[in-house]
PDB file of N, CA and C in Angstrom:
ATOM      1  N   MET A   1     -25.684  12.600  -1.063  1.00  0.00           N
ATOM      2  CA  MET A   1     -25.297  12.441  -2.452  1.00  0.00           C
ATOM      3  C   MET A   1     -23.817  12.060  -2.530  1.00  0.00           C
ATOM      4  N   ILE A   2     -23.488  11.099  -3.347  1.00  0.00           N
ATOM      5  CA  ILE A   2     -22.121  10.620  -3.500  1.00  0.00           C
ATOM      6  C   ILE A   2     -21.367  11.527  -4.463  1.00  0.00           C
ATOM      7  N   ASN A   3     -20.161  11.898  -4.075  1.00  0.00           N
ATOM      8  CA  ASN A   3     -19.319  12.726  -4.931  1.00  0.00           C
ATOM      9  C   ASN A   3     -18.436  11.798  -5.761  1.00  0.00           C
ATOM     10  N   ASN A   4     -18.804  11.579  -7.019  1.00  0.00           N
ATOM     11  CA  ASN A   4     -18.069  10.648  -7.885  1.00  0.00           C
ATOM     12  C   ASN A   4     -16.645  11.099  -8.144  1.00  0.00           C
ATOM     13  N   LYS A   5     -16.400  12.413  -8.146  1.00  0.00           N
ATOM     14  CA  LYS A   5     -15.037  12.910  -8.364  1.00  0.00           C
ATOM     15  C   LYS A   5     -14.126  12.487  -7.213  1.00  0.00           C
ATOM     16  N   LYS A   6     -14.622  12.581  -5.970  1.00  0.00           N
ATOM     17  CA  LYS A   6     -13.831  12.156  -4.810  1.00  0.00           C
ATOM     18  C   LYS A   6     -13.529  10.673  -4.872  1.00  0.00           C
ATOM     19  N   ILE A   7     -14.541   9.887  -5.235  1.00  0.00           N
ATOM     20  CA  ILE A   7     -14.341   8.436  -5.344  1.00  0.00           C
ATOM     21  C   ILE A   7     -13.332   8.132  -6.445  1.00  0.00           C
ATOM     22  N   GLY A   8     -13.451   8.807  -7.584  1.00  0.00           N
ATOM     23  CA  GLY A   8     -12.513   8.603  -8.688  1.00  0.00           C
ATOM     24  C   GLY A   8     -11.099   8.980  -8.298  1.00  0.00           C
ATOM     25  N   ASN A   9     -10.934  10.091  -7.575  1.00  0.00           N
ATOM     26  CA  ASN A   9      -9.612  10.509  -7.116  1.00  0.00           C
ATOM     27  C   ASN A   9      -9.010   9.497  -6.158  1.00  0.00           C
ATOM     28  N   LYS A  10      -9.835   8.998  -5.238  1.00  0.00           N
ATOM     29  CA  LYS A  10      -9.347   8.013  -4.271  1.00  0.00           C
ATOM     30  C   LYS A  10      -8.920   6.734  -4.981  1.00  0.00           C
ATOM     31  N   LEU A  11      -9.725   6.291  -5.934  1.00  0.00           N
ATOM     32  CA  LEU A  11      -9.375   5.090  -6.689  1.00  0.00           C
ATOM     33  C   LEU A  11      -8.088   5.288  -7.479  1.00  0.00           C
ATOM     34  N   GLU A  12      -7.923   6.460  -8.040  1.00  0.00           N
ATOM     35  CA  GLU A  12      -6.691   6.756  -8.790  1.00  0.00           C
ATOM     36  C   GLU A  12      -5.481   6.660  -7.874  1.00  0.00           C
ATOM     37  N   GLY A  13      -5.575   7.245  -6.684  1.00  0.00           N
ATOM     38  CA  GLY A  13      -4.479   7.188  -5.715  1.00  0.00           C
ATOM     39  C   GLY A  13      -4.182   5.766  -5.278  1.00  0.00           C
ATOM     40  N   VAL A  14      -5.223   5.013  -4.960  1.00  0.00           N
ATOM     41  CA  VAL A  14      -5.055   3.618  -4.531  1.00  0.00           C
ATOM     42  C   VAL A  14      -4.460   2.788  -5.656  1.00  0.00           C
ATOM     43  N   ASN A  15      -4.945   2.975  -6.874  1.00  0.00           N
ATOM     44  CA  ASN A  15      -4.411   2.217  -8.015  1.00  0.00           C
ATOM     45  C   ASN A  15      -2.926   2.515  -8.230  1.00  0.00           C
ATOM     46  N   LYS A  16      -2.529   3.775  -8.106  1.00  0.00           N
ATOM     47  CA  LYS A  16      -1.118   4.139  -8.276  1.00  0.00           C
ATOM     48  C   LYS A  16      -0.268   3.515  -7.167  1.00  0.00           C
ATOM     49  N   ALA A  17      -0.789   3.516  -5.934  1.00  0.00           N
ATOM     50  CA  ALA A  17      -0.049   2.912  -4.820  1.00  0.00           C
ATOM     51  C   ALA A  17       0.106   1.406  -5.029  1.00  0.00           C
ATOM     52  N   MET A  18      -0.969   0.738  -5.456  1.00  0.00           N
ATOM     53  CA  MET A  18      -0.902  -0.702  -5.699  1.00  0.00           C
ATOM     54  C   MET A  18       0.052  -1.010  -6.853  1.00  0.00           C
ATOM     55  N   GLU A  19       0.018  -0.203  -7.886  1.00  0.00           N
ATOM     56  CA  GLU A  19       0.921  -0.376  -9.032  1.00  0.00           C
ATOM     57  C   GLU A  19       2.377  -0.249  -8.573  1.00  0.00           C
ATOM     58  N   PHE A  20       2.653   0.727  -7.721  1.00  0.00           N
ATOM     59  CA  PHE A  20       3.997   0.930  -7.202  1.00  0.00           C
ATOM     60  C   PHE A  20       4.460  -0.291  -6.401  1.00  0.00           C
ATOM     61  N   LEU A  21       3.606  -0.790  -5.500  1.00  0.00           N
ATOM     62  CA  LEU A  21       3.986  -1.964  -4.699  1.00  0.00           C
ATOM     63  C   LEU A  21       4.163  -3.198  -5.569  1.00  0.00           C
ATOM     64  N   ARG A  22       3.348  -3.333  -6.595  1.00  0.00           N
ATOM     65  CA  ARG A  22       3.489  -4.464  -7.518  1.00  0.00           C
ATOM     66  C   ARG A  22       4.832  -4.383  -8.240  1.00  0.00           C
ATOM     67  N   ASP A  23       5.209  -3.182  -8.688  1.00  0.00           N
ATOM     68  CA  ASP A  23       6.486  -3.015  -9.388  1.00  0.00           C
ATOM     69  C   ASP A  23       7.674  -3.207  -8.448  1.00  0.00           C
ATOM     70  N   GLU A  24       7.562  -2.722  -7.219  1.00  0.00           N
ATOM     71  CA  GLU A  24       8.669  -2.813  -6.257  1.00  0.00           C
ATOM     72  C   GLU A  24       8.840  -4.207  -5.670  1.00  0.00           C
ATOM     73  N   PHE A  25       7.725  -4.865  -5.325  1.00  0.00           N
ATOM     74  CA  PHE A  25       7.783  -6.117  -4.582  1.00  0.00           C
ATOM     75  C   PHE A  25       7.185  -7.303  -5.322  1.00  0.00           C
ATOM     76  N   GLY A  26       6.602  -7.066  -6.485  1.00  0.00           N
ATOM     77  CA  GLY A  26       5.979  -8.161  -7.225  1.00  0.00           C
ATOM     78  C   GLY A  26       4.699  -8.658  -6.575  1.00  0.00           C
ATOM     79  N   LYS A  27       4.056  -7.827  -5.776  1.00  0.00           N
ATOM     80  CA  LYS A  27       2.829  -8.223  -5.092  1.00  0.00           C
ATOM     81  C   LYS A  27       1.626  -7.779  -5.904  1.00  0.00           C
ATOM     82  N   GLU A  28       0.770  -8.733  -6.233  1.00  0.00           N
ATOM     83  CA  GLU A  28      -0.397  -8.442  -7.061  1.00  0.00           C
ATOM     84  C   GLU A  28      -1.599  -7.995  -6.244  1.00  0.00           C
ATOM     85  N   GLU A  29      -1.663  -8.400  -4.985  1.00  0.00           N
ATOM     86  CA  GLU A  29      -2.851  -8.117  -4.198  1.00  0.00           C
ATOM     87  C   GLU A  29      -2.487  -7.489  -2.869  1.00  0.00           C
ATOM     88  N   GLY A  30      -3.384  -6.698  -2.382  1.00  0.00           N
ATOM     89  CA  GLY A  30      -3.230  -6.089  -1.077  1.00  0.00           C
ATOM     90  C   GLY A  30      -4.566  -5.522  -0.642  1.00  0.00           C
ATOM     91  N   GLU A  31      -4.681  -5.267   0.643  1.00  0.00           N
ATOM     92  CA  GLU A  31      -5.913  -4.704   1.178  1.00  0.00           C
ATOM     93  C   GLU A  31      -5.650  -3.277   1.614  1.00  0.00           C
ATOM     94  N   VAL A  32      -6.409  -2.364   1.077  1.00  0.00           N
ATOM     95  CA  VAL A  32      -6.263  -0.960   1.429  1.00  0.00           C
ATOM     96  C   VAL A  32      -6.846  -0.753   2.824  1.00  0.00           C
ATOM     97  N   ILE A  33      -6.023  -0.217   3.712  1.00  0.00           N
ATOM     98  CA  ILE A  33      -6.448   0.049   5.079  1.00  0.00           C
ATOM     99  C   ILE A  33      -6.822   1.513   5.238  1.00  0.00           C
ATOM    100  N   LYS A  34      -6.110   2.369   4.531  1.00  0.00           N
ATOM    101  CA  LYS A  34      -6.337   3.805   4.667  1.00  0.00           C
ATOM    102  C   LYS A  34      -6.003   4.483   3.351  1.00  0.00           C
ATOM    103  N   ALA A  35      -6.837   5.444   2.959  1.00  0.00           N
ATOM    104  CA  ALA A  35      -6.566   6.288   1.796  1.00  0.00           C
ATOM    105  C   ALA A  35      -7.172   7.653   2.100  1.00  0.00           C
ATOM    106  N   VAL A  36      -6.306   8.597   2.476  1.00  0.00           N
ATOM    107  CA  VAL A  36      -6.765   9.917   2.909  1.00  0.00           C
ATOM    108  C   VAL A  36      -6.095  10.993   2.072  1.00  0.00           C
ATOM    109  N   LYS A  37      -6.924  11.878   1.538  1.00  0.00           N
ATOM    110  CA  LYS A  37      -6.403  13.030   0.808  1.00  0.00           C
ATOM    111  C   LYS A  37      -6.155  14.153   1.811  1.00  0.00           C
ATOM    112  N   LEU A  38      -4.946  14.694   1.804  1.00  0.00           N
ATOM    113  CA  LEU A  38      -4.574  15.755   2.727  1.00  0.00           C
ATOM    114  C   LEU A  38      -4.920  17.122   2.142  1.00  0.00           C
ATOM    115  N   ASN A  39      -4.852  18.137   2.975  1.00  0.00           N
ATOM    116  CA  ASN A  39      -5.234  19.489   2.552  1.00  0.00           C
ATOM    117  C   ASN A  39      -4.419  20.013   1.377  1.00  0.00           C
ATOM    118  N   ASP A  40      -3.174  19.583   1.249  1.00  0.00           N
ATOM    119  CA  ASP A  40      -2.326  20.066   0.155  1.00  0.00           C
ATOM    120  C   ASP A  40      -2.525  19.280  -1.143  1.00  0.00           C
ATOM    121  N   GLY A  41      -3.465  18.332  -1.136  1.00  0.00           N
ATOM    122  CA  GLY A  41      -3.746  17.540  -2.328  1.00  0.00           C
ATOM    123  C   GLY A  41      -2.974  16.242  -2.400  1.00  0.00           C
ATOM    124  N   SER A  42      -2.042  16.025  -1.467  1.00  0.00           N
ATOM    125  CA  SER A  42      -1.292  14.771  -1.445  1.00  0.00           C
ATOM    126  C   SER A  42      -2.141  13.687  -0.781  1.00  0.00           C
ATOM    127  N   TRP A  43      -1.653  12.458  -0.827  1.00  0.00           N
ATOM    128  CA  TRP A  43      -2.400  11.313  -0.298  1.00  0.00           C
ATOM    129  C   TRP A  43      -1.548  10.521   0.676  1.00  0.00           C
ATOM    130  N   ASP A  44      -2.167  10.037   1.753  1.00  0.00           N
ATOM    131  CA  ASP A  44      -1.578   9.045   2.657  1.00  0.00           C
ATOM    132  C   ASP A  44      -2.353   7.758   2.447  1.00  0.00           C
ATOM    133  N   ILE A  45      -1.631   6.705   2.072  1.00  0.00           N
ATOM    134  CA  ILE A  45      -2.272   5.427   1.779  1.00  0.00           C
ATOM    135  C   ILE A  45      -1.535   4.329   2.528  1.00  0.00           C
ATOM    136  N   GLU A  46      -2.294   3.424   3.140  1.00  0.00           N
ATOM    137  CA  GLU A  46      -1.723   2.255   3.807  1.00  0.00           C
ATOM    138  C   GLU A  46      -2.344   1.013   3.201  1.00  0.00           C
ATOM    139  N   ILE A  47      -1.472   0.052   2.875  1.00  0.00           N
ATOM    140  CA  ILE A  47      -1.911  -1.182   2.228  1.00  0.00           C
ATOM    141  C   ILE A  47      -1.285  -2.367   2.963  1.00  0.00           C
ATOM    142  N   GLU A  48      -2.129  -3.348   3.286  1.00  0.00           N
ATOM    143  CA  GLU A  48      -1.654  -4.570   3.939  1.00  0.00           C
ATOM    144  C   GLU A  48      -1.380  -5.620   2.870  1.00  0.00           C
ATOM    145  N   ILE A  49      -0.184  -6.204   2.936  1.00  0.00           N
ATOM    146  CA  ILE A  49       0.223  -7.209   1.956  1.00  0.00           C
ATOM    147  C   ILE A  49       0.716  -8.455   2.699  1.00  0.00           C
ATOM    148  N   VAL A  50       0.292  -9.616   2.227  1.00  0.00           N
ATOM    149  CA  VAL A  50       0.764 -10.880   2.789  1.00  0.00           C
ATOM    150  C   VAL A  50       2.038 -11.271   2.050  1.00  0.00           C
ATOM    151  N   GLU A  51       3.110 -11.468   2.822  1.00  0.00           N
ATOM    152  CA  GLU A  51       4.411 -11.819   2.242  1.00  0.00           C
ATOM    153  C   GLU A  51       5.019 -12.983   3.004  1.00  0.00           C
ATOM    154  N   GLN A  52       5.804 -13.754   2.291  1.00  0.00           N
ATOM    155  CA  GLN A  52       6.519 -14.834   2.957  1.00  0.00           C
ATOM    156  C   GLN A  52       7.598 -14.234   3.846  1.00  0.00           C
ATOM    157  N   SER A  53       7.711 -14.752   5.058  1.00  0.00           N
ATOM    158  CA  SER A  53       8.712 -14.280   6.003  1.00  0.00           C
ATOM    159  C   SER A  53      10.109 -14.566   5.458  1.00  0.00           C
ATOM    160  N   GLU A  54      10.924 -13.531   5.351  1.00  0.00           N
ATOM    161  CA  GLU A  54      12.291 -13.698   4.832  1.00  0.00           C
ATOM    162  C   GLU A  54      13.109 -14.612   5.738  1.00  0.00           C
ATOM    163  N   PHE A  55      13.014 -14.406   7.034  1.00  0.00           N
ATOM    164  CA  PHE A  55      13.782 -15.210   7.989  1.00  0.00           C
ATOM    165  C   PHE A  55      13.384 -16.677   7.886  1.00  0.00           C
ATOM    166  N   MET A  56      12.106 -16.960   7.907  1.00  0.00           N
ATOM    167  CA  MET A  56      11.639 -18.346   7.868  1.00  0.00           C
ATOM    168  C   MET A  56      11.947 -18.984   6.517  1.00  0.00           C
ATOM    169  N   ARG A  57      11.893 -18.206   5.451  1.00  0.00           N
ATOM    170  CA  ARG A  57      12.224 -18.736   4.121  1.00  0.00           C
ATOM    171  C   ARG A  57      13.668 -19.218   4.092  1.00  0.00           C
ATOM    172  N   LYS A  58      14.544 -18.463   4.755  1.00  0.00           N
ATOM    173  CA  LYS A  58      15.964 -18.810   4.761  1.00  0.00           C
ATOM    174  C   LYS A  58      16.238 -20.117   5.488  1.00  0.00           C
ATOM    175  N   ILE A  59      15.379 -20.487   6.441  1.00  0.00           N
ATOM    176  CA  ILE A  59      15.584 -21.755   7.159  1.00  0.00           C
ATOM    177  C   ILE A  59      14.662 -22.855   6.636  1.00  0.00           C
ATOM    178  N   GLY A  60      14.022 -22.575   5.496  1.00  0.00           N
ATOM    179  CA  GLY A  60      13.253 -23.607   4.810  1.00  0.00           C
ATOM    180  C   GLY A  60      11.818 -23.784   5.274  1.00  0.00           C
ATOM    181  N   LYS A  61      11.258 -22.824   5.950  1.00  0.00           N
ATOM    182  CA  LYS A  61       9.867 -22.925   6.400  1.00  0.00           C
ATOM    183  C   LYS A  61       9.004 -21.920   5.646  1.00  0.00           C
ATOM    184  N   ARG A  62       7.748 -22.301   5.408  1.00  0.00           N
ATOM    185  CA  ARG A  62       6.807 -21.417   4.718  1.00  0.00           C
ATOM    186  C   ARG A  62       5.886 -20.783   5.753  1.00  0.00           C
ATOM    187  N   VAL A  63       6.260 -19.585   6.154  1.00  0.00           N
ATOM    188  CA  VAL A  63       5.468 -18.796   7.097  1.00  0.00           C
ATOM    189  C   VAL A  63       5.229 -17.443   6.439  1.00  0.00           C
ATOM    190  N   PHE A  64       4.026 -16.934   6.614  1.00  0.00           N
ATOM    191  CA  PHE A  64       3.672 -15.677   5.972  1.00  0.00           C
ATOM    192  C   PHE A  64       3.393 -14.601   7.010  1.00  0.00           C
ATOM    193  N   ASP A  65       3.785 -13.385   6.683  1.00  0.00           N
ATOM    194  CA  ASP A  65       3.544 -12.215   7.520  1.00  0.00           C
ATOM    195  C   ASP A  65       2.565 -11.299   6.799  1.00  0.00           C
ATOM    196  N   LYS A  66       1.791 -10.564   7.585  1.00  0.00           N
ATOM    197  CA  LYS A  66       0.978  -9.486   7.031  1.00  0.00           C
ATOM    198  C   LYS A  66       1.723  -8.200   7.325  1.00  0.00           C
ATOM    199  N   ASN A  67       2.186  -7.552   6.283  1.00  0.00           N
ATOM    200  CA  ASN A  67       2.939  -6.310   6.432  1.00  0.00           C
ATOM    201  C   ASN A  67       2.110  -5.139   5.937  1.00  0.00           C
ATOM    202  N   ILE A  68       2.193  -4.036   6.667  1.00  0.00           N
ATOM    203  CA  ILE A  68       1.484  -2.829   6.280  1.00  0.00           C
ATOM    204  C   ILE A  68       2.498  -1.826   5.751  1.00  0.00           C
ATOM    205  N   TYR A  69       2.257  -1.378   4.535  1.00  0.00           N
ATOM    206  CA  TYR A  69       3.114  -0.384   3.903  1.00  0.00           C
ATOM    207  C   TYR A  69       2.391   0.953   3.865  1.00  0.00           C
ATOM    208  N   ALA A  70       3.096   2.004   4.255  1.00  0.00           N
ATOM    209  CA  ALA A  70       2.568   3.364   4.218  1.00  0.00           C
ATOM    210  C   ALA A  70       3.203   4.069   3.025  1.00  0.00           C
ATOM    211  N   LEU A  71       2.370   4.681   2.199  1.00  0.00           N
ATOM    212  CA  LEU A  71       2.842   5.402   1.029  1.00  0.00           C
ATOM    213  C   LEU A  71       2.318   6.826   1.073  1.00  0.00           C
ATOM    214  N   LYS A  72       3.133   7.747   0.611  1.00  0.00           N
ATOM    215  CA  LYS A  72       2.714   9.139   0.455  1.00  0.00           C
ATOM    216  C   LYS A  72       2.811   9.453  -1.030  1.00  0.00           C
ATOM    217  N   LEU A  73       1.716   9.941  -1.581  1.00  0.00           N
ATOM    218  CA  LEU A  73       1.660  10.323  -2.989  1.00  0.00           C
ATOM    219  C   LEU A  73       1.447  11.829  -3.072  1.00  0.00           C
ATOM    220  N   ASP A  74       2.074  12.449  -4.063  1.00  0.00           N
ATOM    221  CA  ASP A  74       1.820  13.885  -4.262  1.00  0.00           C
ATOM    222  C   ASP A  74       0.482  14.060  -4.967  1.00  0.00           C
ATOM    223  N   LYS A  75       0.091  15.290  -5.228  1.00  0.00           N
ATOM    224  CA  LYS A  75      -1.232  15.530  -5.809  1.00  0.00           C
ATOM    225  C   LYS A  75      -1.360  15.037  -7.243  1.00  0.00           C
ATOM    226  N   SER A  76      -0.224  14.678  -7.865  1.00  0.00           N
ATOM    227  CA  SER A  76      -0.244  14.087  -9.209  1.00  0.00           C
ATOM    228  C   SER A  76      -0.154  12.568  -9.144  1.00  0.00           C
ATOM    229  N   TYR A  77      -0.301  12.010  -7.947  1.00  0.00           N
ATOM    230  CA  TYR A  77      -0.294  10.564  -7.696  1.00  0.00           C
ATOM    231  C   TYR A  77       1.068   9.907  -7.893  1.00  0.00           C
ATOM    232  N   ASN A  78       2.145  10.663  -7.752  1.00  0.00           N
ATOM    233  CA  ASN A  78       3.486  10.094  -7.794  1.00  0.00           C
ATOM    234  C   ASN A  78       3.884   9.704  -6.374  1.00  0.00           C
ATOM    235  N   VAL A  79       4.465   8.525  -6.214  1.00  0.00           N
ATOM    236  CA  VAL A  79       4.906   8.090  -4.885  1.00  0.00           C
ATOM    237  C   VAL A  79       6.142   8.899  -4.513  1.00  0.00           C
ATOM    238  N   VAL A  80       6.055   9.612  -3.391  1.00  0.00           N
ATOM    239  CA  VAL A  80       7.180  10.420  -2.937  1.00  0.00           C
ATOM    240  C   VAL A  80       7.893   9.773  -1.750  1.00  0.00           C
ATOM    241  N   SER A  81       7.209   8.870  -1.038  1.00  0.00           N
ATOM    242  CA  SER A  81       7.862   8.102   0.026  1.00  0.00           C
ATOM    243  C   SER A  81       7.030   6.859   0.328  1.00  0.00           C
ATOM    244  N   TYR A  82       7.705   5.847   0.842  1.00  0.00           N
ATOM    245  CA  TYR A  82       7.011   4.633   1.257  1.00  0.00           C
ATOM    246  C   TYR A  82       7.889   3.897   2.251  1.00  0.00           C
ATOM    247  N   GLY A  83       7.275   3.017   2.989  1.00  0.00           N
ATOM    248  CA  GLY A  83       8.027   2.185   3.922  1.00  0.00           C
ATOM    249  C   GLY A  83       7.106   1.215   4.613  1.00  0.00           C
ATOM    250  N   ARG A  84       7.701   0.164   5.162  1.00  0.00           N
ATOM    251  CA  ARG A  84       6.909  -0.799   5.920  1.00  0.00           C
ATOM    252  C   ARG A  84       6.607  -0.187   7.276  1.00  0.00           C
ATOM    253  N   LYS A  85       5.354  -0.107   7.597  1.00  0.00           N
ATOM    254  CA  LYS A  85       4.908   0.522   8.831  1.00  0.00           C
ATOM    255  C   LYS A  85       4.802  -0.482   9.958  1.00  0.00           C
ATOM    256  N   LEU A  86       4.332  -1.671   9.645  1.00  0.00           N
ATOM    257  CA  LEU A  86       4.030  -2.642  10.688  1.00  0.00           C
ATOM    258  C   LEU A  86       4.160  -4.047  10.120  1.00  0.00           C
ATOM    259  N   LYS A  87       4.629  -4.945  10.944  1.00  0.00           N
ATOM    260  CA  LYS A  87       4.704  -6.354  10.571  1.00  0.00           C
ATOM    261  C   LYS A  87       3.825  -7.116  11.541  1.00  0.00           C
ATOM    262  N   LYS A  88       2.856  -7.850  10.985  1.00  0.00           N
ATOM    263  CA  LYS A  88       1.980  -8.673  11.808  1.00  0.00           C
ATOM    264  C   LYS A  88       2.277 -10.119  11.487  1.00  0.00           C
ATOM    265  N   TYR A  89       2.468 -10.923  12.496  1.00  0.00           N
ATOM    266  CA  TYR A  89       2.817 -12.329  12.303  1.00  0.00           C
ATOM    267  C   TYR A  89       1.558 -13.188  12.289  1.00  0.00           C
ATOM    268  N   GLU A  90       1.551 -14.156  11.403  1.00  0.00           N
ATOM    269  CA  GLU A  90       0.418 -15.088  11.304  1.00  0.00           C
ATOM    270  C   GLU A  90       0.731 -16.320  12.095  1.00  0.00           C
TER     271      GLU A  90
END
């Protein structure tokens, strides 16, 4: 049996994380890699976002990187920390 409350909570956390990344970086889309609720009610979420390479942009080339951002949300879905976890080159 599917627990709709768990699914709703996970979606709420993911939506808040995506909203935060959109506000911080102007990114509208991303792929959720991980969304885990911890024992204390907080969330660990990882989202992969395709971004133009800053270095290549500066030299006039259009190259894109896939970057993974890790976010920690408290139990009220407020972002308490975030950072780029990994950079994957295309």
